Amino acid sequence: MKNDEFPPLTQQPLLNVDMTPDDKLAIRILEAYRYNCDSKWATSSDGSCDNPIYALMNQYNDERAVILDKAIEKLKLEA
């Protein structure tokens, strides 16, 4: 892998969010960020990650997902 190339992701991230100004806007933004937490770096041929830097980024995605899941659930309860 060259320095300017990134390994593949397990799924393509969302690049756009429906920004219609309504009561569901905050949830849509958080859900898009949450969806992107499932995009993991895959550095080995079997789809796993054997590179410590990318593995740490995947771990941080997992940790962010937990926090976002809680925030989304709270917002849905308030709606």
N, C-alpha and C. Protein backbone atom coordinates (compact mmCIF):
# COMPACT_ATOMS: atom_id res chain seq x y z
N MET A 1 0.84 -1.17 0.00
CA MET A 1 0.00 0.00 0.00
C MET A 1 0.89 1.25 0.00
N LYS A 2 0.64 2.14 -0.93
CA LYS A 2 1.39 3.39 -1.00
C LYS A 2 0.94 4.32 0.12
N ASN A 3 1.76 5.30 0.42
CA ASN A 3 1.42 6.24 1.49
C ASN A 3 0.16 7.04 1.21
N ASP A 4 -0.17 7.27 -0.07
CA ASP A 4 -1.34 8.08 -0.39
C ASP A 4 -2.59 7.24 -0.64
N GLU A 5 -2.55 5.95 -0.36
CA GLU A 5 -3.69 5.08 -0.55
C GLU A 5 -4.20 4.58 0.80
N PHE A 6 -5.50 4.48 0.90
CA PHE A 6 -6.11 3.95 2.11
C PHE A 6 -6.62 2.54 1.82
N PRO A 7 -6.69 1.69 2.85
CA PRO A 7 -7.25 0.36 2.64
C PRO A 7 -8.76 0.47 2.39
N PRO A 8 -9.36 -0.60 1.90
CA PRO A 8 -10.81 -0.55 1.64
C PRO A 8 -11.62 -0.50 2.94
N LEU A 9 -12.84 -0.01 2.81
CA LEU A 9 -13.79 0.02 3.91
C LEU A 9 -14.78 -1.13 3.76
N THR A 10 -15.34 -1.58 4.87
CA THR A 10 -16.32 -2.66 4.81
C THR A 10 -17.65 -2.20 4.23
N GLN A 11 -17.93 -0.91 4.28
CA GLN A 11 -19.10 -0.33 3.62
C GLN A 11 -18.79 1.13 3.32
N GLN A 12 -19.41 1.65 2.29
CA GLN A 12 -19.19 3.03 1.93
C GLN A 12 -19.92 3.95 2.91
N PRO A 13 -19.27 5.01 3.37
CA PRO A 13 -19.93 5.93 4.30
C PRO A 13 -20.97 6.80 3.61
N LEU A 14 -21.90 7.29 4.40
CA LEU A 14 -22.86 8.27 3.90
C LEU A 14 -22.15 9.61 3.79
N LEU A 15 -22.38 10.30 2.71
CA LEU A 15 -21.75 11.60 2.50
C LEU A 15 -22.74 12.75 2.61
N ASN A 16 -24.03 12.42 2.58
CA ASN A 16 -25.07 13.45 2.62
C ASN A 16 -26.15 13.07 3.60
N VAL A 17 -26.77 14.09 4.18
CA VAL A 17 -27.87 13.91 5.11
C VAL A 17 -28.99 14.85 4.68
N ASP A 18 -30.22 14.38 4.75
CA ASP A 18 -31.38 15.24 4.49
C ASP A 18 -31.41 16.33 5.57
N MET A 19 -31.19 17.56 5.17
CA MET A 19 -31.10 18.67 6.12
C MET A 19 -32.38 19.50 6.16
N THR A 20 -33.51 18.88 5.83
CA THR A 20 -34.78 19.59 5.92
C THR A 20 -34.97 20.06 7.36
N PRO A 21 -35.24 21.35 7.55
CA PRO A 21 -35.36 21.87 8.91
C PRO A 21 -36.70 21.46 9.55
N ASP A 22 -36.70 20.30 10.19
CA ASP A 22 -37.89 19.83 10.90
C ASP A 22 -37.46 19.18 12.21
N ASP A 23 -38.43 18.64 12.92
CA ASP A 23 -38.15 18.07 14.25
C ASP A 23 -37.27 16.83 14.23
N LYS A 24 -37.09 16.21 13.08
CA LYS A 24 -36.28 14.98 12.97
C LYS A 24 -34.85 15.25 12.50
N LEU A 25 -34.49 16.50 12.30
CA LEU A 25 -33.16 16.83 11.77
C LEU A 25 -32.03 16.29 12.65
N ALA A 26 -32.10 16.54 13.94
CA ALA A 26 -31.02 16.10 14.83
C ALA A 26 -30.86 14.58 14.80
N ILE A 27 -31.97 13.86 14.77
CA ILE A 27 -31.91 12.39 14.73
C ILE A 27 -31.28 11.93 13.41
N ARG A 28 -31.68 12.56 12.29
CA ARG A 28 -31.11 12.17 10.99
C ARG A 28 -29.60 12.38 10.97
N ILE A 29 -29.13 13.48 11.53
CA ILE A 29 -27.69 13.74 11.57
C ILE A 29 -26.99 12.68 12.40
N LEU A 30 -27.50 12.41 13.59
CA LEU A 30 -26.87 11.41 14.46
C LEU A 30 -26.93 10.01 13.84
N GLU A 31 -28.04 9.68 13.20
CA GLU A 31 -28.15 8.36 12.56
C GLU A 31 -27.16 8.22 11.41
N ALA A 32 -26.89 9.30 10.69
CA ALA A 32 -25.90 9.24 9.61
C ALA A 32 -24.51 9.02 10.18
N TYR A 33 -24.18 9.75 11.25
CA TYR A 33 -22.89 9.52 11.89
C TYR A 33 -22.81 8.10 12.44
N ARG A 34 -23.92 7.61 13.00
CA ARG A 34 -23.94 6.25 13.53
C ARG A 34 -23.74 5.22 12.43
N TYR A 35 -24.39 5.42 11.29
CA TYR A 35 -24.23 4.51 10.15
C TYR A 35 -22.76 4.46 9.74
N ASN A 36 -22.12 5.61 9.72
CA ASN A 36 -20.72 5.67 9.30
C ASN A 36 -19.78 4.97 10.29
N CYS A 37 -20.22 4.77 11.51
CA CYS A 37 -19.41 4.02 12.48
C CYS A 37 -19.25 2.57 12.05
N ASP A 38 -20.15 2.09 11.21
CA ASP A 38 -20.07 0.70 10.73
C ASP A 38 -19.13 0.55 9.53
N SER A 39 -18.58 1.65 9.05
CA SER A 39 -17.57 1.60 7.97
C SER A 39 -16.22 1.34 8.63
N LYS A 40 -15.73 0.13 8.48
CA LYS A 40 -14.47 -0.26 9.13
C LYS A 40 -13.36 -0.40 8.09
N TRP A 41 -12.16 -0.16 8.53
CA TRP A 41 -10.99 -0.36 7.68
C TRP A 41 -10.65 -1.84 7.64
N ALA A 42 -10.42 -2.37 6.46
CA ALA A 42 -10.07 -3.78 6.28
C ALA A 42 -8.69 -3.83 5.62
N THR A 43 -7.69 -4.28 6.37
CA THR A 43 -6.31 -4.25 5.85
C THR A 43 -5.78 -5.62 5.47
N SER A 44 -6.52 -6.68 5.74
CA SER A 44 -6.06 -8.01 5.34
C SER A 44 -7.04 -8.61 4.34
N SER A 45 -6.61 -9.63 3.65
CA SER A 45 -7.40 -10.20 2.55
C SER A 45 -8.73 -10.79 2.99
N ASP A 46 -8.87 -11.17 4.26
CA ASP A 46 -10.13 -11.75 4.73
C ASP A 46 -11.12 -10.70 5.24
N GLY A 47 -10.79 -9.41 5.08
CA GLY A 47 -11.68 -8.34 5.51
C GLY A 47 -11.46 -7.87 6.92
N SER A 48 -10.54 -8.49 7.64
CA SER A 48 -10.25 -8.05 9.00
C SER A 48 -9.18 -6.95 8.96
N CYS A 49 -8.76 -6.52 10.12
CA CYS A 49 -7.79 -5.43 10.19
C CYS A 49 -6.59 -5.89 11.00
N ASP A 50 -5.44 -6.01 10.34
CA ASP A 50 -4.23 -6.45 11.03
C ASP A 50 -3.22 -5.31 11.21
N ASN A 51 -3.62 -4.09 10.90
CA ASN A 51 -2.76 -2.92 11.06
C ASN A 51 -3.16 -2.20 12.35
N PRO A 52 -2.23 -1.97 13.28
CA PRO A 52 -2.61 -1.41 14.58
C PRO A 52 -3.23 -0.02 14.51
N ILE A 53 -2.81 0.81 13.59
CA ILE A 53 -3.38 2.15 13.47
C ILE A 53 -4.84 2.07 13.01
N TYR A 54 -5.08 1.30 11.95
CA TYR A 54 -6.44 1.17 11.44
C TYR A 54 -7.31 0.40 12.43
N ALA A 55 -6.74 -0.55 13.14
CA ALA A 55 -7.49 -1.28 14.16
C ALA A 55 -7.94 -0.33 15.27
N LEU A 56 -7.09 0.61 15.65
CA LEU A 56 -7.45 1.60 16.66
C LEU A 56 -8.57 2.51 16.15
N MET A 57 -8.49 2.91 14.88
CA MET A 57 -9.57 3.72 14.31
C MET A 57 -10.88 2.95 14.30
N ASN A 58 -10.83 1.65 13.99
CA ASN A 58 -12.03 0.81 14.04
C ASN A 58 -12.58 0.72 15.46
N GLN A 59 -11.69 0.60 16.43
CA GLN A 59 -12.10 0.54 17.83
C GLN A 59 -12.79 1.85 18.23
N TYR A 60 -12.25 2.98 17.81
CA TYR A 60 -12.87 4.27 18.12
C TYR A 60 -14.23 4.38 17.46
N ASN A 61 -14.39 3.83 16.26
CA ASN A 61 -15.70 3.82 15.62
C ASN A 61 -16.69 3.04 16.48
N ASP A 62 -16.26 1.90 17.02
CA ASP A 62 -17.12 1.10 17.88
C ASP A 62 -17.53 1.88 19.13
N GLU A 63 -16.57 2.59 19.72
CA GLU A 63 -16.86 3.38 20.93
C GLU A 63 -17.80 4.54 20.62
N ARG A 64 -17.61 5.19 19.47
CA ARG A 64 -18.51 6.27 19.08
C ARG A 64 -19.91 5.72 18.84
N ALA A 65 -20.02 4.54 18.27
CA ALA A 65 -21.32 3.93 17.99
C ALA A 65 -22.14 3.76 19.27
N VAL A 66 -21.51 3.34 20.33
CA VAL A 66 -22.20 3.15 21.61
C VAL A 66 -22.77 4.48 22.11
N ILE A 67 -21.96 5.52 22.04
CA ILE A 67 -22.39 6.85 22.50
C ILE A 67 -23.53 7.37 21.62
N LEU A 68 -23.38 7.23 20.32
CA LEU A 68 -24.42 7.71 19.40
C LEU A 68 -25.71 6.93 19.56
N ASP A 69 -25.63 5.61 19.79
CA ASP A 69 -26.84 4.81 20.01
C ASP A 69 -27.62 5.35 21.22
N LYS A 70 -26.92 5.69 22.29
CA LYS A 70 -27.58 6.24 23.48
C LYS A 70 -28.23 7.58 23.18
N ALA A 71 -27.53 8.45 22.47
CA ALA A 71 -28.06 9.78 22.16
C ALA A 71 -29.28 9.67 21.25
N ILE A 72 -29.22 8.80 20.25
CA ILE A 72 -30.35 8.62 19.34
C ILE A 72 -31.56 8.10 20.09
N GLU A 73 -31.34 7.14 20.96
CA GLU A 73 -32.45 6.59 21.74
C GLU A 73 -33.11 7.65 22.61
N LYS A 74 -32.31 8.51 23.26
CA LYS A 74 -32.85 9.59 24.07
C LYS A 74 -33.67 10.56 23.23
N LEU A 75 -33.15 10.93 22.07
CA LEU A 75 -33.90 11.85 21.22
C LEU A 75 -35.20 11.24 20.73
N LYS A 76 -35.20 9.96 20.42
CA LYS A 76 -36.43 9.32 19.97
C LYS A 76 -37.47 9.25 21.07
N LEU A 77 -37.03 9.09 22.31
CA LEU A 77 -37.96 9.06 23.43
C LEU A 77 -38.60 10.43 23.66
N GLU A 78 -37.85 11.49 23.38
CA GLU A 78 -38.35 12.84 23.57
C GLU A 78 -39.28 13.28 22.44
N ALA A 79 -39.16 12.64 21.29
CA ALA A 79 -39.95 13.07 20.12
C ALA A 79 -41.40 12.70 20.21
